[in-house]
């Protein structure tokens, strides 16, 4: 009985304290929910004039946890790096499609949002994600904080060599620009699919997630794949074919075909024919003209012909 009385006494005391506390507190007239407000920077004004107004593209450089994949270590993109990447994307990608396919095509099909992150997304199997596309409308670009090192010809050392050395154009393509063309290809494929014949060319040789193994990283050209990742699936294969074709010189492509050998080159030629016909018939784009525009613009970036810091709004 004493235990029960003590228990009720404690409850009464706590309840009295709660009642006293409640009676003394007053609700504040100010909400505890604070909306996220940021003052426009010169970069915001430049983006509005160069991406939002003409193309209805949101180039999101500020960190947004709702847009981040919490399965990976993520950090914000540095402001100055984001400014330079925005210029590069506009000049080498958006305006290249303007030049070859027309403004209406770019405004209609180009992804409506770019989301930047400072670091790449590292997987447990030793690979990492350079970029992704979501819902046919959005492209994520990672590793933005390495951009200046790439422009300076410094990246290409150690774990990030990938046989590209200090070639600024090759590294820009590998880490950012090829990714944009790759993901944009997925978006175009979602708009209109390519011929099912493509799937049959090397259909039995796709490796799915095993593309990054030792088997996947050797002999892929001879098996009719333009890159290790193209062995993942026919969708990734198609996107790799187009994005790698338009970001490499004819001389480099011919060298790969020679390395592929007679059988591998024949398979790659079959794939390229379907890619070429798809882009021409569906979107009226000559991929050789697109390649010429892309490479010329990338060269301009590499030799400093384009001011990547100018935020003048014209």
Foldseek 3Di string as FASTA:
>chain_A
DVVVVVVVVVVVVVVVVVVVVVVPDDDDPDDPDDDDDDDDDLLNVLCCQQPCVQQLAAEAQADDVVPDDVVFDWAGADPLLSLLVVVLCSQQPLVLCCVFQNSVVSSPQQARYEYEIQAWGDDPVGDTDQWADPPLHYIYGYNSVCLVCLLVLNQLPDPRVPVPRSDSLVVCLVRPVLSSQLRSLVSVCVVPNFDPVLCVLLVVQQDAPCLPPPVNQPLVLLSQAPGSQLSNGSSSRLSNLLSVLLSDDPVVVVVSLVVNPDNSNVSNVVSVVRSQCCCCVPRVGRSVSSSVSNNVSSVCSSVVVDDSNDSDRD
